[in-house]
């Protein structure tokens, strides 16, 4: 009698453990599915961020090239001598003040 009750108790214990394992398995499946979904969303967000960063880097590179060209042009303009307007100034010609003729004449 003791053996039968011992075997029955062991059978119930094994059956309970199996049922518990099945219940935990379905819960694990749900958890795994949720985790996979979250990971997929995170991966998609990372891809979109990477694309945006690449576009920004391309735009920054283009702007840097434009700035470099402008700096080169400005540097070249600063280093070239100024062109004269075509009129030559003579340094030997001095301007003299004219006499005032509006004044009264002495007799």
PDB file of N, CA and C in Angstrom:
ATOM      1  N   UNK A   1       0.805  -1.170   0.000  1.00  0.00           N
ATOM      2  CA  UNK A   1       0.000   0.000   0.000  1.00  0.00           C
ATOM      3  C   UNK A   1       0.863   1.254   0.000  1.00  0.00           C
ATOM      4  N   UNK A   2       1.913   1.209   0.770  1.00  0.00           N
ATOM      5  CA  UNK A   2       2.792   2.354   0.820  1.00  0.00           C
ATOM      6  C   UNK A   2       3.442   2.587  -0.539  1.00  0.00           C
ATOM      7  N   UNK A   3       3.744   1.498  -1.239  1.00  0.00           N
ATOM      8  CA  UNK A   3       4.386   1.645  -2.545  1.00  0.00           C
ATOM      9  C   UNK A   3       3.423   2.269  -3.547  1.00  0.00           C
ATOM     10  N   UNK A   4       2.188   1.869  -3.522  1.00  0.00           N
ATOM     11  CA  UNK A   4       1.207   2.395  -4.475  1.00  0.00           C
ATOM     12  C   UNK A   4       0.998   3.890  -4.222  1.00  0.00           C
ATOM     13  N   UNK A   5       0.881   4.286  -3.008  1.00  0.00           N
ATOM     14  CA  UNK A   5       0.680   5.702  -2.705  1.00  0.00           C
ATOM     15  C   UNK A   5       1.929   6.507  -3.056  1.00  0.00           C
ATOM     16  N   UNK A   6       3.084   5.909  -2.868  1.00  0.00           N
ATOM     17  CA  UNK A   6       4.328   6.578  -3.227  1.00  0.00           C
ATOM     18  C   UNK A   6       4.416   6.759  -4.736  1.00  0.00           C
ATOM     19  N   UNK A   7       4.051   5.719  -5.482  1.00  0.00           N
ATOM     20  CA  UNK A   7       4.062   5.790  -6.948  1.00  0.00           C
ATOM     21  C   UNK A   7       3.021   6.801  -7.417  1.00  0.00           C
ATOM     22  N   UNK A   8       1.861   6.811  -6.815  1.00  0.00           N
ATOM     23  CA  UNK A   8       0.803   7.750  -7.201  1.00  0.00           C
ATOM     24  C   UNK A   8       1.234   9.182  -6.923  1.00  0.00           C
ATOM     25  N   UNK A   9       1.873   9.410  -5.798  1.00  0.00           N
ATOM     26  CA  UNK A   9       2.347  10.754  -5.453  1.00  0.00           C
ATOM     27  C   UNK A   9       3.429  11.213  -6.431  1.00  0.00           C
ATOM     28  N   UNK A  10       4.307  10.270  -6.796  1.00  0.00           N
ATOM     29  CA  UNK A  10       5.359  10.595  -7.762  1.00  0.00           C
ATOM     30  C   UNK A  10       4.758  10.917  -9.119  1.00  0.00           C
ATOM     31  N   UNK A  11       3.729  10.150  -9.529  1.00  0.00           N
ATOM     32  CA  UNK A  11       3.067  10.383 -10.813  1.00  0.00           C
ATOM     33  C   UNK A  11       2.398  11.760 -10.818  1.00  0.00           C
ATOM     34  N   UNK A  12       1.726  12.107  -9.709  1.00  0.00           N
ATOM     35  CA  UNK A  12       1.088  13.415  -9.624  1.00  0.00           C
ATOM     36  C   UNK A  12       2.129  14.541  -9.664  1.00  0.00           C
ATOM     37  N   UNK A  13       3.237  14.303  -9.016  1.00  0.00           N
ATOM     38  CA  UNK A  13       4.312  15.304  -9.006  1.00  0.00           C
ATOM     39  C   UNK A  13       4.864  15.514 -10.418  1.00  0.00           C
ATOM     40  N   UNK A  14       5.083  14.411 -11.143  1.00  0.00           N
ATOM     41  CA  UNK A  14       5.599  14.501 -12.517  1.00  0.00           C
ATOM     42  C   UNK A  14       4.571  15.192 -13.409  1.00  0.00           C
ATOM     43  N   UNK A  15       3.297  14.807 -13.283  1.00  0.00           N
ATOM     44  CA  UNK A  15       2.245  15.405 -14.108  1.00  0.00           C
ATOM     45  C   UNK A  15       2.139  16.913 -13.822  1.00  0.00           C
ATOM     46  N   UNK A  16       2.218  17.276 -12.572  1.00  0.00           N
ATOM     47  CA  UNK A  16       2.151  18.704 -12.210  1.00  0.00           C
ATOM     48  C   UNK A  16       3.335  19.481 -12.755  1.00  0.00           C
ATOM     49  N   UNK A  17       4.500  18.863 -12.689  1.00  0.00           N
ATOM     50  CA  UNK A  17       5.692  19.522 -13.216  1.00  0.00           C
ATOM     51  C   UNK A  17       5.577  19.731 -14.724  1.00  0.00           C
ATOM     52  N   UNK A  18       5.010  18.742 -15.428  1.00  0.00           N
ATOM     53  CA  UNK A  18       4.844  18.864 -16.883  1.00  0.00           C
ATOM     54  C   UNK A  18       3.840  19.972 -17.218  1.00  0.00           C
ATOM     55  N   UNK A  19       2.738  20.008 -16.482  1.00  0.00           N
ATOM     56  CA  UNK A  19       1.752  21.060 -16.731  1.00  0.00           C
ATOM     57  C   UNK A  19       2.336  22.444 -16.450  1.00  0.00           C
ATOM     58  N   UNK A  20       3.091  22.512 -15.404  1.00  0.00           N
ATOM     59  CA  UNK A  20       3.723  23.784 -15.069  1.00  0.00           C
ATOM     60  C   UNK A  20       4.702  24.203 -16.169  1.00  0.00           C
ATOM     61  N   UNK A  21       5.464  23.260 -16.665  1.00  0.00           N
ATOM     62  CA  UNK A  21       6.424  23.536 -17.728  1.00  0.00           C
ATOM     63  C   UNK A  21       5.704  23.999 -18.993  1.00  0.00           C
ATOM     64  N   UNK A  22       4.571  23.408 -19.306  1.00  0.00           N
ATOM     65  CA  UNK A  22       3.821  23.815 -20.493  1.00  0.00           C
ATOM     66  C   UNK A  22       3.285  25.240 -20.333  1.00  0.00           C
ATOM     67  N   UNK A  23       2.795  25.539 -19.163  1.00  0.00           N
ATOM     68  CA  UNK A  23       2.299  26.894 -18.909  1.00  0.00           C
ATOM     69  C   UNK A  23       3.409  27.920 -18.988  1.00  0.00           C
ATOM     70  N   UNK A  24       4.555  27.617 -18.463  1.00  0.00           N
ATOM     71  CA  UNK A  24       5.709  28.510 -18.509  1.00  0.00           C
ATOM     72  C   UNK A  24       6.207  28.656 -19.936  1.00  0.00           C
ATOM     73  N   UNK A  25       6.125  27.572 -20.709  1.00  0.00           N
ATOM     74  CA  UNK A  25       6.584  27.604 -22.097  1.00  0.00           C
ATOM     75  C   UNK A  25       5.762  28.598 -22.908  1.00  0.00           C
ATOM     76  N   UNK A  26       4.442  28.578 -22.755  1.00  0.00           N
ATOM     77  CA  UNK A  26       3.608  29.502 -23.520  1.00  0.00           C
ATOM     78  C   UNK A  26       3.858  30.942 -23.075  1.00  0.00           C
ATOM     79  N   UNK A  27       4.132  31.132 -21.796  1.00  0.00           N
ATOM     80  CA  UNK A  27       4.454  32.454 -21.301  1.00  0.00           C
ATOM     81  C   UNK A  27       5.795  32.914 -21.866  1.00  0.00           C
ATOM     82  N   UNK A  28       6.743  31.986 -21.974  1.00  0.00           N
ATOM     83  CA  UNK A  28       8.046  32.312 -22.546  1.00  0.00           C
ATOM     84  C   UNK A  28       7.898  32.685 -24.017  1.00  0.00           C
ATOM     85  N   UNK A  29       7.032  31.960 -24.737  1.00  0.00           N
ATOM     86  CA  UNK A  29       6.813  32.260 -26.148  1.00  0.00           C
ATOM     87  C   UNK A  29       6.297  33.685 -26.316  1.00  0.00           C
ATOM     88  N   UNK A  30       5.358  34.062 -25.468  1.00  0.00           N
ATOM     89  CA  UNK A  30       4.804  35.413 -25.542  1.00  0.00           C
ATOM     90  C   UNK A  30       5.885  36.447 -25.231  1.00  0.00           C
ATOM     91  N   UNK A  31       6.670  36.159 -24.233  1.00  0.00           N
ATOM     92  CA  UNK A  31       7.750  37.079 -23.860  1.00  0.00           C
ATOM     93  C   UNK A  31       8.776  37.187 -24.989  1.00  0.00           C
ATOM     94  N   UNK A  32       9.091  36.058 -25.595  1.00  0.00           N
ATOM     95  CA  UNK A  32      10.059  36.052 -26.696  1.00  0.00           C
ATOM     96  C   UNK A  32       9.505  36.833 -27.879  1.00  0.00           C
ATOM     97  N   UNK A  33       8.220  36.657 -28.173  1.00  0.00           N
ATOM     98  CA  UNK A  33       7.614  37.381 -29.295  1.00  0.00           C
ATOM     99  C   UNK A  33       7.630  38.885 -29.043  1.00  0.00           C
ATOM    100  N   UNK A  34       7.314  39.284 -27.811  1.00  0.00           N
ATOM    101  CA  UNK A  34       7.331  40.706 -27.483  1.00  0.00           C
ATOM    102  C   UNK A  34       8.747  41.259 -27.590  1.00  0.00           C
ATOM    103  N   UNK A  35       9.699  40.518 -27.109  1.00  0.00           N
ATOM    104  CA  UNK A  35      11.096  40.963 -27.171  1.00  0.00           C
ATOM    105  C   UNK A  35      11.567  41.074 -28.623  1.00  0.00           C
ATOM    106  N   UNK A  36      11.170  40.112 -29.442  1.00  0.00           N
ATOM    107  CA  UNK A  36      11.554  40.149 -30.857  1.00  0.00           C
ATOM    108  C   UNK A  36      10.926  41.354 -31.550  1.00  0.00           C
ATOM    109  N   UNK A  37       9.677  41.630 -31.231  1.00  0.00           N
ATOM    110  CA  UNK A  37       8.991  42.772 -31.825  1.00  0.00           C
ATOM    111  C   UNK A  37       9.671  44.088 -31.415  1.00  0.00           C
ATOM    112  N   UNK A  38      10.007  44.184 -30.147  1.00  0.00           N
ATOM    113  CA  UNK A  38      10.696  45.380 -29.649  1.00  0.00           C
ATOM    114  C   UNK A  38      12.063  45.531 -30.308  1.00  0.00           C
ATOM    115  N   UNK A  39      12.766  44.428 -30.444  1.00  0.00           N
ATOM    116  CA  UNK A  39      14.085  44.476 -31.083  1.00  0.00           C
ATOM    117  C   UNK A  39      13.963  44.894 -32.552  1.00  0.00           C
ATOM    118  N   UNK A  40      12.930  44.412 -33.226  1.00  0.00           N
ATOM    119  CA  UNK A  40      12.716  44.786 -34.626  1.00  0.00           C
ATOM    120  C   UNK A  40      12.432  46.283 -34.742  1.00  0.00           C
ATOM    121  N   UNK A  41      11.596  46.798 -33.840  1.00  0.00           N
ATOM    122  CA  UNK A  41      11.296  48.227 -33.860  1.00  0.00           C
ATOM    123  C   UNK A  41      12.551  49.048 -33.604  1.00  0.00           C
ATOM    124  N   UNK A  42      13.367  48.607 -32.672  1.00  0.00           N
ATOM    125  CA  UNK A  42      14.604  49.314 -32.366  1.00  0.00           C
ATOM    126  C   UNK A  42      15.571  49.285 -33.550  1.00  0.00           C
ATOM    127  N   UNK A  43      15.619  48.145 -34.228  1.00  0.00           N
ATOM    128  CA  UNK A  43      16.505  48.033 -35.396  1.00  0.00           C
ATOM    129  C   UNK A  43      16.036  48.960 -36.514  1.00  0.00           C
ATOM    130  N   UNK A  44      14.722  49.030 -36.730  1.00  0.00           N
ATOM    131  CA  UNK A  44      14.201  49.924 -37.764  1.00  0.00           C
ATOM    132  C   UNK A  44      14.480  51.386 -37.420  1.00  0.00           C
ATOM    133  N   UNK A  45      14.334  51.727 -36.147  1.00  0.00           N
ATOM    134  CA  UNK A  45      14.627  53.094 -35.720  1.00  0.00           C
ATOM    135  C   UNK A  45      16.109  53.408 -35.921  1.00  0.00           C
ATOM    136  N   UNK A  46      16.970  52.449 -35.627  1.00  0.00           N
ATOM    137  CA  UNK A  46      18.413  52.650 -35.802  1.00  0.00           C
ATOM    138  C   UNK A  46      18.758  52.835 -37.278  1.00  0.00           C
ATOM    139  N   UNK A  47      18.097  52.067 -38.155  1.00  0.00           N
ATOM    140  CA  UNK A  47      18.340  52.217 -39.597  1.00  0.00           C
ATOM    141  C   UNK A  47      17.937  53.610 -40.054  1.00  0.00           C
ATOM    142  N   UNK A  48      16.782  54.070 -39.604  1.00  0.00           N
ATOM    143  CA  UNK A  48      16.311  55.386 -40.022  1.00  0.00           C
ATOM    144  C   UNK A  48      17.226  56.471 -39.486  1.00  0.00           C
ATOM    145  N   UNK A  49      17.712  56.321 -38.260  1.00  0.00           N
ATOM    146  CA  UNK A  49      18.667  57.281 -37.705  1.00  0.00           C
ATOM    147  C   UNK A  49      19.975  57.270 -38.489  1.00  0.00           C
ATOM    148  N   UNK A  50      20.407  56.100 -38.896  1.00  0.00           N
ATOM    149  CA  UNK A  50      21.650  55.995 -39.673  1.00  0.00           C
ATOM    150  C   UNK A  50      21.502  56.682 -41.029  1.00  0.00           C
ATOM    151  N   UNK A  51      20.337  56.512 -41.668  1.00  0.00           N
ATOM    152  CA  UNK A  51      20.096  57.173 -42.950  1.00  0.00           C
ATOM    153  C   UNK A  51      20.090  58.686 -42.779  1.00  0.00           C
ATOM    154  N   UNK A  52      19.431  59.155 -41.722  1.00  0.00           N
ATOM    155  CA  UNK A  52      19.388  60.596 -41.464  1.00  0.00           C
ATOM    156  C   UNK A  52      20.787  61.139 -41.197  1.00  0.00           C
ATOM    157  N   UNK A  53      21.582  60.393 -40.448  1.00  0.00           N
ATOM    158  CA  UNK A  53      22.952  60.823 -40.157  1.00  0.00           C
ATOM    159  C   UNK A  53      23.787  60.860 -41.433  1.00  0.00           C
ATOM    160  N   UNK A  54      23.577  59.900 -42.297  1.00  0.00           N
ATOM    161  CA  UNK A  54      24.324  59.872 -43.561  1.00  0.00           C
ATOM    162  C   UNK A  54      23.960  61.074 -44.424  1.00  0.00           C
ATOM    163  N   UNK A  55      22.662  61.401 -44.474  1.00  0.00           N
ATOM    164  CA  UNK A  55      22.230  62.566 -45.250  1.00  0.00           C
ATOM    165  C   UNK A  55      22.829  63.841 -44.667  1.00  0.00           C
ATOM    166  N   UNK A  56      22.831  63.939 -43.349  1.00  0.00           N
ATOM    167  CA  UNK A  56      23.399  65.121 -42.701  1.00  0.00           C
ATOM    168  C   UNK A  56      24.890  65.233 -42.979  1.00  0.00           C
ATOM    169  N   UNK A  57      25.576  64.098 -42.951  1.00  0.00           N
ATOM    170  CA  UNK A  57      27.010  64.100 -43.224  1.00  0.00           C
ATOM    171  C   UNK A  57      27.287  64.529 -44.663  1.00  0.00           C
ATOM    172  N   UNK A  58      26.475  64.063 -45.595  1.00  0.00           N
ATOM    173  CA  UNK A  58      26.642  64.442 -46.995  1.00  0.00           C
ATOM    174  C   UNK A  58      26.420  65.937 -47.168  1.00  0.00           C
ATOM    175  N   UNK A  59      25.364  66.439 -46.526  1.00  0.00           N
ATOM    176  CA  UNK A  59      25.059  67.867 -46.620  1.00  0.00           C
ATOM    177  C   UNK A  59      26.178  68.695 -45.994  1.00  0.00           C
ATOM    178  N   UNK A  60      26.683  68.261 -44.861  1.00  0.00           N
ATOM    179  CA  UNK A  60      27.770  68.976 -44.198  1.00  0.00           C
ATOM    180  C   UNK A  60      29.030  68.975 -45.057  1.00  0.00           C
ATOM    181  N   UNK A  61      29.288  67.863 -45.723  1.00  0.00           N
ATOM    182  CA  UNK A  61      30.451  67.772 -46.599  1.00  0.00           C
ATOM    183  C   UNK A  61      30.322  68.755 -47.764  1.00  0.00           C
ATOM    184  N   UNK A  62      29.130  68.834 -48.334  1.00  0.00           N
ATOM    185  CA  UNK A  62      28.884  69.755 -49.443  1.00  0.00           C
ATOM    186  C   UNK A  62      29.059  71.198 -48.982  1.00  0.00           C
ATOM    187  N   UNK A  63      28.516  71.506 -47.813  1.00  0.00           N
ATOM    188  CA  UNK A  63      28.646  72.866 -47.288  1.00  0.00           C
ATOM    189  C   UNK A  63      30.100  73.196 -46.966  1.00  0.00           C
ATOM    190  N   UNK A  64      30.846  72.212 -46.499  1.00  0.00           N
ATOM    191  CA  UNK A  64      32.264  72.437 -46.207  1.00  0.00           C
ATOM    192  C   UNK A  64      33.031  72.734 -47.491  1.00  0.00           C
ATOM    193  N   UNK A  65      32.699  72.011 -48.555  1.00  0.00           N
ATOM    194  CA  UNK A  65      33.370  72.266 -49.841  1.00  0.00           C
ATOM    195  C   UNK A  65      33.052  73.669 -50.338  1.00  0.00           C
ATOM    196  N   UNK A  66      31.775  74.075 -50.195  1.00  0.00           N
ATOM    197  CA  UNK A  66      31.377  75.414 -50.616  1.00  0.00           C
ATOM    198  C   UNK A  66      32.112  76.473 -49.810  1.00  0.00           C
ATOM    199  N   UNK A  67      32.217  76.260 -48.514  1.00  0.00           N
ATOM    200  CA  UNK A  67      32.928  77.207 -47.653  1.00  0.00           C
ATOM    201  C   UNK A  67      34.412  77.266 -48.017  1.00  0.00           C
ATOM    202  N   UNK A  68      34.971  76.121 -48.339  1.00  0.00           N
ATOM    203  CA  UNK A  68      36.385  76.083 -48.714  1.00  0.00           C
ATOM    204  C   UNK A  68      36.622  76.853 -50.011  1.00  0.00           C
ATOM    205  N   UNK A  69      35.708  76.696 -50.979  1.00  0.00           N
ATOM    206  CA  UNK A  69      35.830  77.433 -52.238  1.00  0.00           C
ATOM    207  C   UNK A  69      35.723  78.935 -51.987  1.00  0.00           C
ATOM    208  N   UNK A  70      34.778  79.314 -51.124  1.00  0.00           N
ATOM    209  CA  UNK A  70      34.608  80.742 -50.819  1.00  0.00           C
ATOM    210  C   UNK A  70      35.848  81.294 -50.130  1.00  0.00           C
ATOM    211  N   UNK A  71      36.429  80.523 -49.232  1.00  0.00           N
ATOM    212  CA  UNK A  71      37.642  80.964 -48.544  1.00  0.00           C
ATOM    213  C   UNK A  71      38.798  81.101 -49.524  1.00  0.00           C
ATOM    214  N   UNK A  72      38.915  80.170 -50.448  1.00  0.00           N
ATOM    215  CA  UNK A  72      39.970  80.232 -51.457  1.00  0.00           C
ATOM    216  C   UNK A  72      39.801  81.466 -52.329  1.00  0.00           C
ATOM    217  N   UNK A  73      38.560  81.732 -52.729  1.00  0.00           N
ATOM    218  CA  UNK A  73      38.287  82.904 -53.558  1.00  0.00           C
ATOM    219  C   UNK A  73      38.595  84.185 -52.797  1.00  0.00           C
ATOM    220  N   UNK A  74      38.196  84.243 -51.541  1.00  0.00           N
ATOM    221  CA  UNK A  74      38.467  85.429 -50.730  1.00  0.00           C
ATOM    222  C   UNK A  74      39.964  85.629 -50.524  1.00  0.00           C
ATOM    223  N   UNK A  75      40.678  84.550 -50.314  1.00  0.00           N
ATOM    224  CA  UNK A  75      42.121  84.632 -50.128  1.00  0.00           C
ATOM    225  C   UNK A  75      42.800  85.127 -51.400  1.00  0.00           C
ATOM    226  N   UNK A  76      42.349  84.613 -52.536  1.00  0.00           N
ATOM    227  CA  UNK A  76      42.929  85.035 -53.808  1.00  0.00           C
ATOM    228  C   UNK A  76      42.623  86.511 -54.058  1.00  0.00           C
ATOM    229  N   UNK A  77      41.423  86.943 -53.719  1.00  0.00           N
ATOM    230  CA  UNK A  77      41.059  88.342 -53.917  1.00  0.00           C
ATOM    231  C   UNK A  77      41.869  89.248 -52.995  1.00  0.00           C
ATOM    232  N   UNK A  78      42.163  88.807 -51.812  1.00  0.00           N
ATOM    233  CA  UNK A  78      42.935  89.610 -50.876  1.00  0.00           C
ATOM    234  C   UNK A  78      44.394  89.722 -51.310  1.00  0.00           C
ATOM    235  N   UNK A  79      44.896  88.724 -51.989  1.00  0.00           N
ATOM    236  CA  UNK A  79      46.300  88.710 -52.385  1.00  0.00           C
ATOM    237  C   UNK A  79      46.559  89.411 -53.714  1.00  0.00           C
ATOM    238  N   UNK A  80      45.552  89.691 -54.508  1.00  0.00           N
ATOM    239  CA  UNK A  80      45.769  90.361 -55.790  1.00  0.00           C
ATOM    240  C   UNK A  80      45.852  91.860 -55.561  1.00  0.00           C
ATOM    241  N   UNK A  81      46.743  92.524 -56.299  1.00  0.00           N
ATOM    242  CA  UNK A  81      46.843  93.984 -56.140  1.00  0.00           C
ATOM    243  C   UNK A  81      45.604  94.657 -56.724  1.00  0.00           C
ATOM    244  N   UNK A  82      45.276  95.831 -56.159  1.00  0.00           N
ATOM    245  CA  UNK A  82      44.100  96.542 -56.649  1.00  0.00           C
ATOM    246  C   UNK A  82      44.403  97.129 -58.013  1.00  0.00           C
ATOM    247  N   UNK A  83      43.411  97.078 -58.878  1.00  0.00           N
ATOM    248  CA  UNK A  83      43.550  97.649 -60.208  1.00  0.00           C
ATOM    249  C   UNK A  83      43.266  99.148 -60.126  1.00  0.00           C
ATOM    250  N   UNK A  84      44.008  99.909 -60.916  1.00  0.00           N
ATOM    251  CA  UNK A  84      43.760 101.353 -60.916  1.00  0.00           C
ATOM    252  C   UNK A  84      42.544 101.635 -61.773  1.00  0.00           C
ATOM    253  N   UNK A  85      41.945 102.775 -61.550  1.00  0.00           N
ATOM    254  CA  UNK A  85      40.722 103.106 -62.266  1.00  0.00           C
ATOM    255  C   UNK A  85      41.012 103.651 -63.653  1.00  0.00           C
ATOM    256  N   UNK A  86      42.253 103.738 -64.026  1.00  0.00           N
ATOM    257  CA  UNK A  86      42.603 104.233 -65.351  1.00  0.00           C
ATOM    258  C   UNK A  86      43.109 105.662 -65.293  1.00  0.00           C
ATOM    259  N   UNK A  87      42.854 106.389 -64.241  1.00  0.00           N
ATOM    260  CA  UNK A  87      43.332 107.752 -64.096  1.00  0.00           C
ATOM    261  C   UNK A  87      44.657 107.720 -63.347  1.00  0.00           C
ATOM    262  N   UNK A  88      45.599 108.413 -63.893  1.00  0.00           N
ATOM    263  CA  UNK A  88      46.898 108.460 -63.240  1.00  0.00           C
ATOM    264  C   UNK A  88      47.007 109.769 -62.475  1.00  0.00           C
ATOM    265  N   UNK A  89      47.478 109.673 -61.303  1.00  0.00           N
ATOM    266  CA  UNK A  89      47.694 110.874 -60.499  1.00  0.00           C
ATOM    267  C   UNK A  89      49.183 111.199 -60.556  1.00  0.00           C
ATOM    268  N   UNK A  90      49.443 112.425 -60.824  1.00  0.00           N
ATOM    269  CA  UNK A  90      50.846 112.805 -60.826  1.00  0.00           C
ATOM    270  C   UNK A  90      51.193 113.351 -59.460  1.00  0.00           C
ATOM    271  N   UNK A  91      52.249 112.865 -58.945  1.00  0.00           N
ATOM    272  CA  UNK A  91      52.645 113.290 -57.615  1.00  0.00           C
ATOM    273  C   UNK A  91      53.416 114.606 -57.671  1.00  0.00           C
ATOM    274  N   UNK A  92      53.905 115.014 -58.856  1.00  0.00           N
ATOM    275  CA  UNK A  92      54.674 116.245 -58.960  1.00  0.00           C
ATOM    276  C   UNK A  92      53.757 117.452 -59.110  1.00  0.00           C
ATOM    277  N   UNK A  93      52.530 117.257 -59.495  1.00  0.00           N
ATOM    278  CA  UNK A  93      51.597 118.369 -59.658  1.00  0.00           C
ATOM    279  C   UNK A  93      50.986 118.721 -58.319  1.00  0.00           C
ATOM    280  N   UNK A  94      51.269 119.956 -57.895  1.00  0.00           N
ATOM    281  CA  UNK A  94      50.728 120.405 -56.624  1.00  0.00           C
ATOM    282  C   UNK A  94      49.611 121.390 -56.892  1.00  0.00           C
ATOM    283  N   UNK A  95      48.612 121.295 -56.112  1.00  0.00           N
ATOM    284  CA  UNK A  95      47.487 122.194 -56.243  1.00  0.00           C
ATOM    285  C   UNK A  95      47.803 123.480 -55.500  1.00  0.00           C
ATOM    286  N   UNK A  96      47.566 124.601 -56.169  1.00  0.00           N
ATOM    287  CA  UNK A  96      47.794 125.889 -55.507  1.00  0.00           C
ATOM    288  C   UNK A  96      46.462 126.572 -55.318  1.00  0.00           C
ATOM    289  N   UNK A  97      46.349 127.314 -54.264  1.00  0.00           N
ATOM    290  CA  UNK A  97      45.106 128.021 -53.977  1.00  0.00           C
ATOM    291  C   UNK A  97      45.022 129.253 -54.862  1.00  0.00           C
ATOM    292  N   UNK A  98      43.863 129.493 -55.429  1.00  0.00           N
ATOM    293  CA  UNK A  98      43.675 130.671 -56.279  1.00  0.00           C
ATOM    294  C   UNK A  98      43.469 131.885 -55.383  1.00  0.00           C
ATOM    295  N   UNK A  99      43.848 133.002 -55.937  1.00  0.00           N
ATOM    296  CA  UNK A  99      43.698 134.235 -55.196  1.00  0.00           C
ATOM    297  C   UNK A  99      42.239 134.628 -55.204  1.00  0.00           C
ATOM    298  N   UNK A 100      41.848 135.280 -54.140  1.00  0.00           N
ATOM    299  CA  UNK A 100      40.477 135.769 -54.025  1.00  0.00           C
ATOM    300  C   UNK A 100      40.329 137.062 -54.829  1.00  0.00           C
ATOM    301  N   UNK A 101      39.481 137.002 -55.839  1.00  0.00           N
ATOM    302  CA  UNK A 101      39.297 138.177 -56.689  1.00  0.00           C
ATOM    303  C   UNK A 101      38.021 138.930 -56.350  1.00  0.00           C
ATOM    304  N   UNK A 102      37.292 138.491 -55.393  1.00  0.00           N
ATOM    305  CA  UNK A 102      36.031 139.130 -55.053  1.00  0.00           C
ATOM    306  C   UNK A 102      36.218 140.292 -54.100  1.00  0.00           C
ATOM    307  N   UNK A 103      37.374 140.422 -53.609  1.00  0.00           N
ATOM    308  CA  UNK A 103      37.632 141.480 -52.631  1.00  0.00           C
ATOM    309  C   UNK A 103      37.703 142.838 -53.286  1.00  0.00           C
ATOM    310  N   UNK A 104      37.882 143.853 -52.525  1.00  0.00           N
ATOM    311  CA  UNK A 104      37.965 145.208 -53.041  1.00  0.00           C
ATOM    312  C   UNK A 104      39.349 145.474 -53.602  1.00  0.00           C
ATOM    313  N   UNK A 105      39.391 146.284 -54.625  1.00  0.00           N
ATOM    314  CA  UNK A 105      40.678 146.600 -55.267  1.00  0.00           C
ATOM    315  C   UNK A 105      41.255 147.861 -54.615  1.00  0.00           C
ATOM    316  N   UNK A 106      42.542 147.879 -54.512  1.00  0.00           N
ATOM    317  CA  UNK A 106      43.207 149.047 -53.953  1.00  0.00           C
ATOM    318  C   UNK A 106      43.464 150.038 -55.091  1.00  0.00           C
ATOM    319  N   UNK A 107      43.275 151.318 -54.826  1.00  0.00           N
ATOM    320  CA  UNK A 107      43.511 152.306 -55.915  1.00  0.00           C
ATOM    321  C   UNK A 107      44.942 152.661 -56.123  1.00  0.00           C
TER     322      UNK A 107
END
